[in-house]
Amino acid sequence: MPKIETIFAFIAIDKAPDDEGIVAMRVGIQWMPMVGADLKRMESLKPLALKIAKETGQKITLAKFKVREDVEVIA
């Protein structure tokens, strides 16, 4: 696998100004954030993001984060 330099995330925009959060999906009994390192993966999640937006009435943005800063290495 190549080094991850870019992260994509579906972000829900709440009604309050500047209030947003990462959209998550239920996988079994766990919640998984809708993030990925490649656009192809995010396109595969787009139908679910559309469904969540319709059901919740929230706007959902697909955001791209490109600046990487390693904060800590855990070994």
Protein backbone atom coordinates (compact mmCIF):
# COMPACT_ATOMS: atom_id res chain seq x y z
CA MET A 1 0.00 0.00 0.00
CA PRO A 2 1.29 3.48 -0.80
CA LYS A 3 1.73 6.08 1.92
CA ILE A 4 -1.57 7.83 2.72
CA GLU A 5 -1.23 11.49 1.79
CA THR A 6 -4.91 12.37 1.29
CA ILE A 7 -8.05 11.55 3.30
CA PHE A 8 -11.63 12.02 2.12
CA ALA A 9 -14.55 12.27 4.55
CA PHE A 10 -18.30 12.69 4.37
CA ILE A 11 -19.16 15.54 6.74
CA ALA A 12 -22.66 16.32 8.03
CA ILE A 13 -23.46 20.00 8.28
CA ASP A 14 -25.68 20.64 11.32
CA LYS A 15 -28.18 23.49 11.57
CA ALA A 16 -26.07 25.48 14.06
CA PRO A 17 -23.38 27.64 12.43
CA ASP A 18 -19.96 25.98 12.19
CA ASP A 19 -21.30 22.73 13.67
CA GLU A 20 -20.37 19.63 11.69
CA GLY A 21 -19.23 16.06 12.19
CA ILE A 22 -18.01 12.96 10.39
CA VAL A 23 -20.85 10.81 9.03
CA ALA A 24 -20.79 7.20 10.24
CA MET A 25 -22.51 4.02 9.11
CA ARG A 26 -23.58 1.03 11.15
CA VAL A 27 -21.68 -2.18 10.40
CA GLY A 28 -23.08 -4.97 12.56
CA ILE A 29 -22.99 -3.61 16.11
CA GLN A 30 -20.16 -1.16 15.34
CA TRP A 31 -20.21 2.36 13.87
CA MET A 32 -17.68 3.06 11.11
CA PRO A 33 -16.80 6.61 10.06
CA MET A 34 -17.32 7.27 6.36
CA VAL A 35 -13.72 8.18 5.53
CA GLY A 36 -11.26 6.80 3.00
CA ALA A 37 -7.91 7.36 1.35
CA ASP A 38 -9.13 7.15 -2.24
CA LEU A 39 -11.93 8.73 -4.23
CA LYS A 40 -13.09 5.37 -5.64
CA ARG A 41 -13.92 4.16 -2.11
CA MET A 42 -15.81 7.36 -1.38
CA GLU A 43 -17.82 7.07 -4.61
CA SER A 44 -18.90 3.58 -3.47
CA LEU A 45 -20.21 5.15 -0.21
CA LYS A 46 -22.01 8.03 -1.96
CA PRO A 47 -25.42 6.24 -2.26
CA LEU A 48 -25.39 5.69 1.51
CA ALA A 49 -24.44 9.35 2.11
CA LEU A 50 -27.38 10.42 -0.09
CA LYS A 51 -29.73 8.14 1.86
CA ILE A 52 -28.52 9.53 5.19
CA ALA A 53 -28.93 13.11 3.93
CA LYS A 54 -32.52 12.43 2.84
CA GLU A 55 -33.45 10.64 6.08
CA THR A 56 -31.90 13.24 8.40
CA GLY A 57 -32.49 16.41 6.40
CA GLN A 58 -28.82 17.34 6.85
CA LYS A 59 -26.51 18.54 4.11
CA ILE A 60 -23.54 16.24 3.63
CA THR A 61 -20.28 17.40 2.10
CA LEU A 62 -17.53 15.21 0.67
CA ALA A 63 -14.32 16.88 1.89
CA LYS A 64 -10.71 16.27 0.90
CA PHE A 65 -7.89 16.75 3.41
CA LYS A 66 -4.42 16.92 1.87
CA VAL A 67 -1.98 18.21 4.48
CA ARG A 68 -0.46 15.36 6.48
CA GLU A 69 1.17 15.92 9.85
CA ASP A 70 2.26 12.88 11.85
CA VAL A 71 1.47 13.70 15.48
CA GLU A 72 2.60 10.52 17.21
CA VAL A 73 3.95 7.08 16.42
CA ILE A 74 2.52 4.29 18.59
CA ALA A 75 4.57 1.10 18.61
